[in-house]
């Protein structure tokens, strides 16, 4: 017969340890969110922009907010402000949902405008 091992009492969250999320994790989440946010804008176009470039600043703990900077190429002509808002909202939502971290700010930088090329 096996001996019973006592189960330790649950500790408060702060006493159990810490969680640190690397900047590259935030960057990958934000880059994917930006690509997905712009997928419809690029859908029927022959010319495509490059992948988003992302940098993240902040303490990298879920209890402290981070700031995300996303550089994107956008199709032209298009409603640039609406596309930038879409990227900002998607990056904020996905980062919060996947990491539990509050996003203080998402800065969207439009690096290039990509005109449609004739087919």
PDB file of N, CA and C in Angstrom:
ATOM      1  N   UNK A   1       0.834  -1.175   0.000  1.00  0.00           N
ATOM      2  CA  UNK A   1       0.000   0.000   0.000  1.00  0.00           C
ATOM      3  C   UNK A   1       0.885   1.247   0.000  1.00  0.00           C
ATOM      4  N   UNK A   2       0.564   2.214  -0.880  1.00  0.00           N
ATOM      5  CA  UNK A   2       1.360   3.439  -1.012  1.00  0.00           C
ATOM      6  C   UNK A   2       1.044   4.408   0.117  1.00  0.00           C
ATOM      7  N   UNK A   3       2.062   5.133   0.519  1.00  0.00           N
ATOM      8  CA  UNK A   3       1.875   6.134   1.571  1.00  0.00           C
ATOM      9  C   UNK A   3       1.250   7.378   0.976  1.00  0.00           C
ATOM     10  N   UNK A   4       0.419   8.028   1.729  1.00  0.00           N
ATOM     11  CA  UNK A   4      -0.210   9.261   1.282  1.00  0.00           C
ATOM     12  C   UNK A   4       0.743  10.424   1.488  1.00  0.00           C
ATOM     13  N   UNK A   5       0.896  11.215   0.452  1.00  0.00           N
ATOM     14  CA  UNK A   5       1.757  12.397   0.517  1.00  0.00           C
ATOM     15  C   UNK A   5       0.869  13.609   0.696  1.00  0.00           C
ATOM     16  N   UNK A   6       1.136  14.425   1.720  1.00  0.00           N
ATOM     17  CA  UNK A   6       0.288  15.604   1.922  1.00  0.00           C
ATOM     18  C   UNK A   6       0.416  16.578   0.755  1.00  0.00           C
ATOM     19  N   UNK A   7      -0.680  17.163   0.367  1.00  0.00           N
ATOM     20  CA  UNK A   7      -0.714  18.154  -0.708  1.00  0.00           C
ATOM     21  C   UNK A   7      -0.433  19.514  -0.093  1.00  0.00           C
ATOM     22  N   UNK A   8       0.558  20.249  -0.629  1.00  0.00           N
ATOM     23  CA  UNK A   8       0.867  21.560  -0.052  1.00  0.00           C
ATOM     24  C   UNK A   8      -0.296  22.537  -0.250  1.00  0.00           C
ATOM     25  N   UNK A   9      -0.470  23.398   0.730  1.00  0.00           N
ATOM     26  CA  UNK A   9      -1.515  24.423   0.635  1.00  0.00           C
ATOM     27  C   UNK A   9      -1.177  25.387  -0.485  1.00  0.00           C
ATOM     28  N   UNK A  10      -2.191  25.941  -1.131  1.00  0.00           N
ATOM     29  CA  UNK A  10      -1.965  26.900  -2.209  1.00  0.00           C
ATOM     30  C   UNK A  10      -1.428  28.201  -1.640  1.00  0.00           C
ATOM     31  N   UNK A  11      -0.439  28.726  -2.281  1.00  0.00           N
ATOM     32  CA  UNK A  11       0.138  30.008  -1.883  1.00  0.00           C
ATOM     33  C   UNK A  11      -0.490  31.126  -2.686  1.00  0.00           C
ATOM     34  N   UNK A  12      -0.293  32.320  -2.215  1.00  0.00           N
ATOM     35  CA  UNK A  12      -0.713  33.502  -2.963  1.00  0.00           C
ATOM     36  C   UNK A  12       0.086  33.557  -4.262  1.00  0.00           C
ATOM     37  N   UNK A  13      -0.483  34.112  -5.333  1.00  0.00           N
ATOM     38  CA  UNK A  13       0.224  34.130  -6.626  1.00  0.00           C
ATOM     39  C   UNK A  13       1.624  34.727  -6.551  1.00  0.00           C
ATOM     40  N   UNK A  14       1.815  35.800  -5.809  1.00  0.00           N
ATOM     41  CA  UNK A  14       3.132  36.435  -5.731  1.00  0.00           C
ATOM     42  C   UNK A  14       4.168  35.577  -5.043  1.00  0.00           C
ATOM     43  N   UNK A  15       3.729  34.653  -4.212  1.00  0.00           N
ATOM     44  CA  UNK A  15       4.658  33.794  -3.481  1.00  0.00           C
ATOM     45  C   UNK A  15       5.050  32.550  -4.279  1.00  0.00           C
ATOM     46  N   UNK A  16       4.363  32.281  -5.380  1.00  0.00           N
ATOM     47  CA  UNK A  16       4.640  31.077  -6.159  1.00  0.00           C
ATOM     48  C   UNK A  16       5.756  31.260  -7.167  1.00  0.00           C
ATOM     49  N   UNK A  17       6.117  32.477  -7.479  1.00  0.00           N
ATOM     50  CA  UNK A  17       7.156  32.718  -8.467  1.00  0.00           C
ATOM     51  C   UNK A  17       6.763  33.846  -9.394  1.00  0.00           C
ATOM     52  N   UNK A  18       7.551  34.037 -10.437  1.00  0.00           N
ATOM     53  CA  UNK A  18       7.297  35.111 -11.387  1.00  0.00           C
ATOM     54  C   UNK A  18       7.232  34.561 -12.794  1.00  0.00           C
ATOM     55  N   UNK A  19       6.557  35.306 -13.632  1.00  0.00           N
ATOM     56  CA  UNK A  19       6.493  34.983 -15.050  1.00  0.00           C
ATOM     57  C   UNK A  19       7.109  36.139 -15.808  1.00  0.00           C
ATOM     58  N   UNK A  20       8.076  35.823 -16.662  1.00  0.00           N
ATOM     59  CA  UNK A  20       8.682  36.838 -17.517  1.00  0.00           C
ATOM     60  C   UNK A  20       8.491  36.388 -18.949  1.00  0.00           C
ATOM     61  N   UNK A  21       7.990  37.289 -19.770  1.00  0.00           N
ATOM     62  CA  UNK A  21       7.766  36.985 -21.180  1.00  0.00           C
ATOM     63  C   UNK A  21       8.802  37.752 -21.988  1.00  0.00           C
ATOM     64  N   UNK A  22       9.553  37.052 -22.798  1.00  0.00           N
ATOM     65  CA  UNK A  22      10.620  37.673 -23.586  1.00  0.00           C
ATOM     66  C   UNK A  22      10.028  38.633 -24.619  1.00  0.00           C
ATOM     67  N   UNK A  23      10.766  39.693 -24.908  1.00  0.00           N
ATOM     68  CA  UNK A  23      10.327  40.679 -25.903  1.00  0.00           C
ATOM     69  C   UNK A  23      10.043  40.026 -27.249  1.00  0.00           C
ATOM     70  N   UNK A  24      10.830  39.025 -27.607  1.00  0.00           N
ATOM     71  CA  UNK A  24      10.640  38.375 -28.912  1.00  0.00           C
ATOM     72  C   UNK A  24       9.294  37.658 -28.983  1.00  0.00           C
ATOM     73  N   UNK A  25       8.779  37.219 -27.837  1.00  0.00           N
ATOM     74  CA  UNK A  25       7.456  36.587 -27.822  1.00  0.00           C
ATOM     75  C   UNK A  25       6.392  37.625 -28.140  1.00  0.00           C
ATOM     76  N   UNK A  26       6.462  38.770 -27.471  1.00  0.00           N
ATOM     77  CA  UNK A  26       5.532  39.858 -27.780  1.00  0.00           C
ATOM     78  C   UNK A  26       5.652  40.264 -29.242  1.00  0.00           C
ATOM     79  N   UNK A  27       6.897  40.343 -29.738  1.00  0.00           N
ATOM     80  CA  UNK A  27       7.121  40.769 -31.121  1.00  0.00           C
ATOM     81  C   UNK A  27       6.500  39.782 -32.112  1.00  0.00           C
ATOM     82  N   UNK A  28       6.624  38.497 -31.858  1.00  0.00           N
ATOM     83  CA  UNK A  28       6.043  37.498 -32.773  1.00  0.00           C
ATOM     84  C   UNK A  28       4.521  37.565 -32.760  1.00  0.00           C
ATOM     85  N   UNK A  29       3.953  37.747 -31.575  1.00  0.00           N
ATOM     86  CA  UNK A  29       2.496  37.859 -31.471  1.00  0.00           C
ATOM     87  C   UNK A  29       2.018  39.099 -32.219  1.00  0.00           C
ATOM     88  N   UNK A  30       2.697  40.222 -32.016  1.00  0.00           N
ATOM     89  CA  UNK A  30       2.304  41.474 -32.659  1.00  0.00           C
ATOM     90  C   UNK A  30       2.472  41.406 -34.177  1.00  0.00           C
ATOM     91  N   UNK A  31       3.558  40.798 -34.653  1.00  0.00           N
ATOM     92  CA  UNK A  31       3.778  40.686 -36.097  1.00  0.00           C
ATOM     93  C   UNK A  31       2.688  39.835 -36.744  1.00  0.00           C
ATOM     94  N   UNK A  32       2.346  38.746 -36.101  1.00  0.00           N
ATOM     95  CA  UNK A  32       1.289  37.896 -36.653  1.00  0.00           C
ATOM     96  C   UNK A  32      -0.051  38.632 -36.653  1.00  0.00           C
ATOM     97  N   UNK A  33      -0.346  39.335 -35.566  1.00  0.00           N
ATOM     98  CA  UNK A  33      -1.597  40.088 -35.479  1.00  0.00           C
ATOM     99  C   UNK A  33      -1.663  41.141 -36.582  1.00  0.00           C
ATOM    100  N   UNK A  34      -0.550  41.835 -36.837  1.00  0.00           N
ATOM    101  CA  UNK A  34      -0.525  42.859 -37.890  1.00  0.00           C
ATOM    102  C   UNK A  34      -0.747  42.235 -39.261  1.00  0.00           C
ATOM    103  N   UNK A  35      -0.082  41.099 -39.539  1.00  0.00           N
ATOM    104  CA  UNK A  35      -0.281  40.413 -40.821  1.00  0.00           C
ATOM    105  C   UNK A  35      -1.738  40.010 -41.003  1.00  0.00           C
ATOM    106  N   UNK A  36      -2.329  39.446 -39.953  1.00  0.00           N
ATOM    107  CA  UNK A  36      -3.718  39.013 -40.047  1.00  0.00           C
ATOM    108  C   UNK A  36      -4.667  40.205 -40.203  1.00  0.00           C
ATOM    109  N   UNK A  37      -4.352  41.316 -39.548  1.00  0.00           N
ATOM    110  CA  UNK A  37      -5.196  42.510 -39.650  1.00  0.00           C
ATOM    111  C   UNK A  37      -5.188  43.082 -41.057  1.00  0.00           C
ATOM    112  N   UNK A  38      -4.080  42.921 -41.764  1.00  0.00           N
ATOM    113  CA  UNK A  38      -3.943  43.492 -43.115  1.00  0.00           C
ATOM    114  C   UNK A  38      -4.235  42.491 -44.231  1.00  0.00           C
ATOM    115  N   UNK A  39      -4.547  41.267 -43.890  1.00  0.00           N
ATOM    116  CA  UNK A  39      -4.739  40.223 -44.909  1.00  0.00           C
ATOM    117  C   UNK A  39      -5.790  40.605 -45.939  1.00  0.00           C
ATOM    118  N   UNK A  40      -6.909  41.132 -45.500  1.00  0.00           N
ATOM    119  CA  UNK A  40      -7.967  41.509 -46.450  1.00  0.00           C
ATOM    120  C   UNK A  40      -7.531  42.660 -47.354  1.00  0.00           C
ATOM    121  N   UNK A  41      -6.746  43.588 -46.834  1.00  0.00           N
ATOM    122  CA  UNK A  41      -6.301  44.739 -47.626  1.00  0.00           C
ATOM    123  C   UNK A  41      -5.373  44.304 -48.767  1.00  0.00           C
ATOM    124  N   UNK A  42      -4.611  43.232 -48.559  1.00  0.00           N
ATOM    125  CA  UNK A  42      -3.674  42.753 -49.577  1.00  0.00           C
ATOM    126  C   UNK A  42      -4.272  41.662 -50.453  1.00  0.00           C
ATOM    127  N   UNK A  43      -5.441  41.187 -50.133  1.00  0.00           N
ATOM    128  CA  UNK A  43      -6.003  39.973 -50.740  1.00  0.00           C
ATOM    129  C   UNK A  43      -5.968  39.934 -52.274  1.00  0.00           C
ATOM    130  N   UNK A  44      -6.545  40.886 -52.955  1.00  0.00           N
ATOM    131  CA  UNK A  44      -6.650  40.832 -54.420  1.00  0.00           C
ATOM    132  C   UNK A  44      -5.593  41.657 -55.140  1.00  0.00           C
ATOM    133  N   UNK A  45      -4.499  41.926 -54.500  1.00  0.00           N
ATOM    134  CA  UNK A  45      -3.475  42.785 -55.101  1.00  0.00           C
ATOM    135  C   UNK A  45      -2.311  41.952 -55.606  1.00  0.00           C
ATOM    136  N   UNK A  46      -1.713  42.417 -56.708  1.00  0.00           N
ATOM    137  CA  UNK A  46      -0.542  41.719 -57.233  1.00  0.00           C
ATOM    138  C   UNK A  46       0.719  42.158 -56.502  1.00  0.00           C
ATOM    139  N   UNK A  47       0.807  43.435 -56.143  1.00  0.00           N
ATOM    140  CA  UNK A  47       1.966  43.943 -55.400  1.00  0.00           C
ATOM    141  C   UNK A  47       1.709  43.747 -53.909  1.00  0.00           C
ATOM    142  N   UNK A  48       2.729  43.310 -53.200  1.00  0.00           N
ATOM    143  CA  UNK A  48       2.601  43.063 -51.758  1.00  0.00           C
ATOM    144  C   UNK A  48       3.669  43.835 -51.000  1.00  0.00           C
ATOM    145  N   UNK A  49       3.329  44.174 -49.778  1.00  0.00           N
ATOM    146  CA  UNK A  49       4.294  44.809 -48.895  1.00  0.00           C
ATOM    147  C   UNK A  49       5.126  43.770 -48.164  1.00  0.00           C
ATOM    148  N   UNK A  50       6.167  44.238 -47.504  1.00  0.00           N
ATOM    149  CA  UNK A  50       7.014  43.347 -46.720  1.00  0.00           C
ATOM    150  C   UNK A  50       6.357  42.991 -45.392  1.00  0.00           C
ATOM    151  N   UNK A  51       6.984  42.093 -44.651  1.00  0.00           N
ATOM    152  CA  UNK A  51       6.422  41.702 -43.356  1.00  0.00           C
ATOM    153  C   UNK A  51       6.537  42.840 -42.343  1.00  0.00           C
ATOM    154  N   UNK A  52       5.649  42.871 -41.363  1.00  0.00           N
ATOM    155  CA  UNK A  52       5.737  43.910 -40.332  1.00  0.00           C
ATOM    156  C   UNK A  52       7.027  43.772 -39.528  1.00  0.00           C
ATOM    157  N   UNK A  53       7.537  44.888 -39.077  1.00  0.00           N
ATOM    158  CA  UNK A  53       8.703  44.907 -38.193  1.00  0.00           C
ATOM    159  C   UNK A  53       8.212  45.407 -36.848  1.00  0.00           C
ATOM    160  N   UNK A  54       8.561  44.702 -35.786  1.00  0.00           N
ATOM    161  CA  UNK A  54       8.003  45.001 -34.469  1.00  0.00           C
ATOM    162  C   UNK A  54       9.112  45.159 -33.439  1.00  0.00           C
ATOM    163  N   UNK A  55       8.946  46.141 -32.566  1.00  0.00           N
ATOM    164  CA  UNK A  55       9.789  46.251 -31.379  1.00  0.00           C
ATOM    165  C   UNK A  55       8.876  46.475 -30.181  1.00  0.00           C
ATOM    166  N   UNK A  56       9.315  45.992 -29.026  1.00  0.00           N
ATOM    167  CA  UNK A  56       8.516  46.055 -27.818  1.00  0.00           C
ATOM    168  C   UNK A  56       9.351  46.637 -26.698  1.00  0.00           C
ATOM    169  N   UNK A  57       8.758  47.535 -25.919  1.00  0.00           N
ATOM    170  CA  UNK A  57       9.422  48.064 -24.743  1.00  0.00           C
ATOM    171  C   UNK A  57       8.502  47.900 -23.548  1.00  0.00           C
ATOM    172  N   UNK A  58       9.103  47.599 -22.447  1.00  0.00           N
ATOM    173  CA  UNK A  58       8.336  47.437 -21.223  1.00  0.00           C
ATOM    174  C   UNK A  58       8.973  46.399 -20.337  1.00  0.00           C
ATOM    175  N   UNK A  59       8.450  46.231 -19.147  1.00  0.00           N
ATOM    176  CA  UNK A  59       9.040  45.315 -18.175  1.00  0.00           C
ATOM    177  C   UNK A  59       8.900  43.829 -18.494  1.00  0.00           C
ATOM    178  N   UNK A  60       8.063  43.462 -19.446  1.00  0.00           N
ATOM    179  CA  UNK A  60       7.894  42.068 -19.869  1.00  0.00           C
ATOM    180  C   UNK A  60       7.330  41.163 -18.777  1.00  0.00           C
ATOM    181  N   UNK A  61       6.531  41.716 -17.898  1.00  0.00           N
ATOM    182  CA  UNK A  61       5.797  40.898 -16.940  1.00  0.00           C
ATOM    183  C   UNK A  61       4.320  41.162 -17.173  1.00  0.00           C
ATOM    184  N   UNK A  62       3.493  40.151 -17.058  1.00  0.00           N
ATOM    185  CA  UNK A  62       2.070  40.346 -17.338  1.00  0.00           C
ATOM    186  C   UNK A  62       1.402  41.420 -16.483  1.00  0.00           C
ATOM    187  N   UNK A  63       1.984  41.735 -15.329  1.00  0.00           N
ATOM    188  CA  UNK A  63       1.362  42.742 -14.467  1.00  0.00           C
ATOM    189  C   UNK A  63       1.716  44.166 -14.878  1.00  0.00           C
ATOM    190  N   UNK A  64       2.701  44.339 -15.747  1.00  0.00           N
ATOM    191  CA  UNK A  64       3.118  45.671 -16.179  1.00  0.00           C
ATOM    192  C   UNK A  64       2.839  45.833 -17.670  1.00  0.00           C
ATOM    193  N   UNK A  65       2.408  47.014 -18.093  1.00  0.00           N
ATOM    194  CA  UNK A  65       2.079  47.209 -19.511  1.00  0.00           C
ATOM    195  C   UNK A  65       3.315  47.283 -20.407  1.00  0.00           C
ATOM    196  N   UNK A  66       3.110  46.991 -21.678  1.00  0.00           N
ATOM    197  CA  UNK A  66       4.165  47.101 -22.683  1.00  0.00           C
ATOM    198  C   UNK A  66       3.736  48.091 -23.759  1.00  0.00           C
ATOM    199  N   UNK A  67       4.709  48.614 -24.463  1.00  0.00           N
ATOM    200  CA  UNK A  67       4.469  49.471 -25.621  1.00  0.00           C
ATOM    201  C   UNK A  67       4.997  48.735 -26.845  1.00  0.00           C
ATOM    202  N   UNK A  68       4.194  48.682 -27.886  1.00  0.00           N
ATOM    203  CA  UNK A  68       4.540  47.958 -29.106  1.00  0.00           C
ATOM    204  C   UNK A  68       4.651  48.957 -30.251  1.00  0.00           C
ATOM    205  N   UNK A  69       5.716  48.847 -31.033  1.00  0.00           N
ATOM    206  CA  UNK A  69       5.898  49.670 -32.240  1.00  0.00           C
ATOM    207  C   UNK A  69       5.878  48.719 -33.436  1.00  0.00           C
ATOM    208  N   UNK A  70       4.953  48.962 -34.355  1.00  0.00           N
ATOM    209  CA  UNK A  70       4.786  48.104 -35.525  1.00  0.00           C
ATOM    210  C   UNK A  70       4.993  48.943 -36.772  1.00  0.00           C
ATOM    211  N   UNK A  71       5.975  48.559 -37.602  1.00  0.00           N
ATOM    212  CA  UNK A  71       6.211  49.226 -38.878  1.00  0.00           C
ATOM    213  C   UNK A  71       5.634  48.345 -39.976  1.00  0.00           C
ATOM    214  N   UNK A  72       4.765  48.933 -40.797  1.00  0.00           N
ATOM    215  CA  UNK A  72       4.079  48.158 -41.828  1.00  0.00           C
ATOM    216  C   UNK A  72       4.162  48.851 -43.185  1.00  0.00           C
ATOM    217  N   UNK A  73       4.004  48.050 -44.217  1.00  0.00           N
ATOM    218  CA  UNK A  73       3.787  48.548 -45.566  1.00  0.00           C
ATOM    219  C   UNK A  73       2.288  48.454 -45.807  1.00  0.00           C
ATOM    220  N   UNK A  74       1.723  49.458 -46.462  1.00  0.00           N
ATOM    221  CA  UNK A  74       0.289  49.452 -46.728  1.00  0.00           C
ATOM    222  C   UNK A  74       0.013  49.617 -48.216  1.00  0.00           C
ATOM    223  N   UNK A  75      -1.083  49.031 -48.684  1.00  0.00           N
ATOM    224  CA  UNK A  75      -1.461  49.208 -50.087  1.00  0.00           C
ATOM    225  C   UNK A  75      -1.918  50.641 -50.323  1.00  0.00           C
ATOM    226  N   UNK A  76      -1.672  51.095 -51.544  1.00  0.00           N
ATOM    227  CA  UNK A  76      -2.086  52.449 -51.912  1.00  0.00           C
ATOM    228  C   UNK A  76      -2.754  52.397 -53.260  1.00  0.00           C
ATOM    229  N   UNK A  77      -3.867  53.001 -53.467  1.00  0.00           N
ATOM    230  CA  UNK A  77      -4.624  53.833 -52.527  1.00  0.00           C
ATOM    231  C   UNK A  77      -5.428  52.969 -51.566  1.00  0.00           C
ATOM    232  N   UNK A  78      -5.622  53.501 -50.363  1.00  0.00           N
ATOM    233  CA  UNK A  78      -6.427  52.842 -49.331  1.00  0.00           C
ATOM    234  C   UNK A  78      -6.693  53.843 -48.219  1.00  0.00           C
ATOM    235  N   UNK A  79      -7.595  53.515 -47.339  1.00  0.00           N
ATOM    236  CA  UNK A  79      -7.865  54.337 -46.162  1.00  0.00           C
ATOM    237  C   UNK A  79      -6.793  53.999 -45.131  1.00  0.00           C
ATOM    238  N   UNK A  80      -5.714  54.752 -45.161  1.00  0.00           N
ATOM    239  CA  UNK A  80      -4.547  54.456 -44.325  1.00  0.00           C
ATOM    240  C   UNK A  80      -4.865  54.537 -42.838  1.00  0.00           C
ATOM    241  N   UNK A  81      -5.651  55.530 -42.450  1.00  0.00           N
ATOM    242  CA  UNK A  81      -6.004  55.680 -41.033  1.00  0.00           C
ATOM    243  C   UNK A  81      -6.797  54.469 -40.541  1.00  0.00           C
ATOM    244  N   UNK A  82      -7.731  54.000 -41.350  1.00  0.00           N
ATOM    245  CA  UNK A  82      -8.531  52.837 -40.961  1.00  0.00           C
ATOM    246  C   UNK A  82      -7.663  51.581 -40.857  1.00  0.00           C
ATOM    247  N   UNK A  83      -6.736  51.404 -41.800  1.00  0.00           N
ATOM    248  CA  UNK A  83      -5.853  50.244 -41.750  1.00  0.00           C
ATOM    249  C   UNK A  83      -4.944  50.306 -40.525  1.00  0.00           C
ATOM    250  N   UNK A  84      -4.435  51.480 -40.207  1.00  0.00           N
ATOM    251  CA  UNK A  84      -3.584  51.634 -39.018  1.00  0.00           C
ATOM    252  C   UNK A  84      -4.376  51.328 -37.747  1.00  0.00           C
ATOM    253  N   UNK A  85      -5.619  51.788 -37.679  1.00  0.00           N
ATOM    254  CA  UNK A  85      -6.479  51.479 -36.519  1.00  0.00           C
ATOM    255  C   UNK A  85      -6.724  49.979 -36.405  1.00  0.00           C
ATOM    256  N   UNK A  86      -6.950  49.335 -37.529  1.00  0.00           N
ATOM    257  CA  UNK A  86      -7.181  47.894 -37.542  1.00  0.00           C
ATOM    258  C   UNK A  86      -5.964  47.152 -36.994  1.00  0.00           C
ATOM    259  N   UNK A  87      -4.779  47.562 -37.429  1.00  0.00           N
ATOM    260  CA  UNK A  87      -3.546  46.948 -36.931  1.00  0.00           C
ATOM    261  C   UNK A  87      -3.415  47.193 -35.431  1.00  0.00           C
ATOM    262  N   UNK A  88      -3.602  48.425 -35.002  1.00  0.00           N
ATOM    263  CA  UNK A  88      -3.471  48.774 -33.586  1.00  0.00           C
ATOM    264  C   UNK A  88      -4.432  47.951 -32.723  1.00  0.00           C
ATOM    265  N   UNK A  89      -5.684  47.880 -33.144  1.00  0.00           N
ATOM    266  CA  UNK A  89      -6.683  47.162 -32.363  1.00  0.00           C
ATOM    267  C   UNK A  89      -6.390  45.660 -32.299  1.00  0.00           C
ATOM    268  N   UNK A  90      -5.964  45.093 -33.422  1.00  0.00           N
ATOM    269  CA  UNK A  90      -5.682  43.645 -33.464  1.00  0.00           C
ATOM    270  C   UNK A  90      -4.451  43.297 -32.630  1.00  0.00           C
ATOM    271  N   UNK A  91      -3.409  44.124 -32.716  1.00  0.00           N
ATOM    272  CA  UNK A  91      -2.201  43.882 -31.921  1.00  0.00           C
ATOM    273  C   UNK A  91      -2.532  43.973 -30.430  1.00  0.00           C
ATOM    274  N   UNK A  92      -3.296  44.985 -30.052  1.00  0.00           N
ATOM    275  CA  UNK A  92      -3.682  45.141 -28.650  1.00  0.00           C
ATOM    276  C   UNK A  92      -4.485  43.935 -28.168  1.00  0.00           C
ATOM    277  N   UNK A  93      -5.483  43.546 -28.936  1.00  0.00           N
ATOM    278  CA  UNK A  93      -6.358  42.440 -28.545  1.00  0.00           C
ATOM    279  C   UNK A  93      -5.610  41.115 -28.443  1.00  0.00           C
ATOM    280  N   UNK A  94      -4.814  40.789 -29.461  1.00  0.00           N
ATOM    281  CA  UNK A  94      -4.124  39.499 -29.467  1.00  0.00           C
ATOM    282  C   UNK A  94      -3.053  39.423 -28.381  1.00  0.00           C
ATOM    283  N   UNK A  95      -2.327  40.516 -28.178  1.00  0.00           N
ATOM    284  CA  UNK A  95      -1.294  40.522 -27.143  1.00  0.00           C
ATOM    285  C   UNK A  95      -1.913  40.305 -25.773  1.00  0.00           C
ATOM    286  N   UNK A  96      -3.005  41.005 -25.516  1.00  0.00           N
ATOM    287  CA  UNK A  96      -3.692  40.854 -24.222  1.00  0.00           C
ATOM    288  C   UNK A  96      -4.253  39.435 -24.061  1.00  0.00           C
ATOM    289  N   UNK A  97      -4.868  38.915 -25.105  1.00  0.00           N
ATOM    290  CA  UNK A  97      -5.492  37.595 -25.022  1.00  0.00           C
ATOM    291  C   UNK A  97      -4.470  36.475 -24.834  1.00  0.00           C
ATOM    292  N   UNK A  98      -3.327  36.581 -25.505  1.00  0.00           N
ATOM    293  CA  UNK A  98      -2.354  35.487 -25.471  1.00  0.00           C
ATOM    294  C   UNK A  98      -1.367  35.570 -24.316  1.00  0.00           C
ATOM    295  N   UNK A  99      -1.150  36.768 -23.763  1.00  0.00           N
ATOM    296  CA  UNK A  99      -0.155  36.903 -22.692  1.00  0.00           C
ATOM    297  C   UNK A  99      -0.739  37.386 -21.372  1.00  0.00           C
ATOM    298  N   UNK A 100      -1.921  37.978 -21.419  1.00  0.00           N
ATOM    299  CA  UNK A 100      -2.485  38.561 -20.212  1.00  0.00           C
ATOM    300  C   UNK A 100      -1.875  39.901 -19.865  1.00  0.00           C
ATOM    301  N   UNK A 101      -1.043  40.427 -20.747  1.00  0.00           N
ATOM    302  CA  UNK A 101      -0.354  41.692 -20.506  1.00  0.00           C
ATOM    303  C   UNK A 101      -1.151  42.849 -21.075  1.00  0.00           C
ATOM    304  N   UNK A 102      -1.226  43.917 -20.314  1.00  0.00           N
ATOM    305  CA  UNK A 102      -1.898  45.124 -20.799  1.00  0.00           C
ATOM    306  C   UNK A 102      -0.951  45.847 -21.755  1.00  0.00           C
ATOM    307  N   UNK A 103      -1.501  46.315 -22.854  1.00  0.00           N
ATOM    308  CA  UNK A 103      -0.717  47.065 -23.837  1.00  0.00           C
ATOM    309  C   UNK A 103      -0.987  48.551 -23.605  1.00  0.00           C
ATOM    310  N   UNK A 104       0.045  49.280 -23.201  1.00  0.00           N
ATOM    311  CA  UNK A 104      -0.112  50.702 -22.923  1.00  0.00           C
ATOM    312  C   UNK A 104      -0.343  51.485 -24.205  1.00  0.00           C
ATOM    313  N   UNK A 105       0.390  51.103 -25.263  1.00  0.00           N
ATOM    314  CA  UNK A 105       0.303  51.851 -26.519  1.00  0.00           C
ATOM    315  C   UNK A 105       0.800  50.975 -27.663  1.00  0.00           C
ATOM    316  N   UNK A 106       0.152  51.122 -28.802  1.00  0.00           N
ATOM    317  CA  UNK A 106       0.639  50.513 -30.037  1.00  0.00           C
ATOM    318  C   UNK A 106       0.887  51.655 -31.013  1.00  0.00           C
ATOM    319  N   UNK A 107       2.127  51.809 -31.412  1.00  0.00           N
ATOM    320  CA  UNK A 107       2.513  52.843 -32.370  1.00  0.00           C
ATOM    321  C   UNK A 107       2.628  52.173 -33.731  1.00  0.00           C
ATOM    322  N   UNK A 108       1.797  52.599 -34.665  1.00  0.00           N
ATOM    323  CA  UNK A 108       1.833  52.041 -36.016  1.00  0.00           C
ATOM    324  C   UNK A 108       2.548  53.041 -36.913  1.00  0.00           C
ATOM    325  N   UNK A 109       3.634  52.595 -37.521  1.00  0.00           N
ATOM    326  CA  UNK A 109       4.424  53.422 -38.426  1.00  0.00           C
ATOM    327  C   UNK A 109       4.247  52.877 -39.831  1.00  0.00           C
ATOM    328  N   UNK A 110       3.819  53.736 -40.734  1.00  0.00           N
ATOM    329  CA  UNK A 110       3.681  53.321 -42.131  1.00  0.00           C
ATOM    330  C   UNK A 110       5.017  53.574 -42.813  1.00  0.00           C
ATOM    331  N   UNK A 111       5.719  52.489 -43.125  1.00  0.00           N
ATOM    332  CA  UNK A 111       7.051  52.590 -43.723  1.00  0.00           C
ATOM    333  C   UNK A 111       6.992  52.856 -45.224  1.00  0.00           C
ATOM    334  N   UNK A 112       6.115  52.128 -45.917  1.00  0.00           N
ATOM    335  CA  UNK A 112       6.015  52.253 -47.371  1.00  0.00           C
ATOM    336  C   UNK A 112       4.562  52.148 -47.812  1.00  0.00           C
ATOM    337  N   UNK A 113       4.260  52.866 -48.868  1.00  0.00           N
ATOM    338  CA  UNK A 113       2.982  52.706 -49.548  1.00  0.00           C
ATOM    339  C   UNK A 113       3.259  51.936 -50.829  1.00  0.00           C
ATOM    340  N   UNK A 114       2.522  50.871 -51.037  1.00  0.00           N
ATOM    341  CA  UNK A 114       2.764  49.996 -52.182  1.00  0.00           C
ATOM    342  C   UNK A 114       1.635  50.194 -53.185  1.00  0.00           C
ATOM    343  N   UNK A 115       1.927  50.849 -54.319  1.00  0.00           N
ATOM    344  CA  UNK A 115       0.869  51.051 -55.330  1.00  0.00           C
ATOM    345  C   UNK A 115       0.574  49.738 -56.045  1.00  0.00           C
ATOM    346  N   UNK A 116      -0.630  49.646 -56.522  1.00  0.00           N
ATOM    347  CA  UNK A 116      -1.023  48.464 -57.303  1.00  0.00           C
ATOM    348  C   UNK A 116      -0.302  48.508 -58.635  1.00  0.00           C
ATOM    349  N   UNK A 117       0.213  47.369 -59.051  1.00  0.00           N
ATOM    350  CA  UNK A 117       0.873  47.300 -60.349  1.00  0.00           C
ATOM    351  C   UNK A 117      -0.099  46.758 -61.380  1.00  0.00           C
ATOM    352  N   UNK A 118      -0.017  47.217 -62.606  1.00  0.00           N
ATOM    353  CA  UNK A 118      -0.921  46.714 -63.642  1.00  0.00           C
ATOM    354  C   UNK A 118      -0.680  45.224 -63.869  1.00  0.00           C
ATOM    355  N   UNK A 119      -1.748  44.510 -64.148  1.00  0.00           N
ATOM    356  CA  UNK A 119      -1.635  43.064 -64.376  1.00  0.00           C
ATOM    357  C   UNK A 119      -1.247  42.759 -65.781  1.00  0.00           C
TER     358      UNK A 119
END
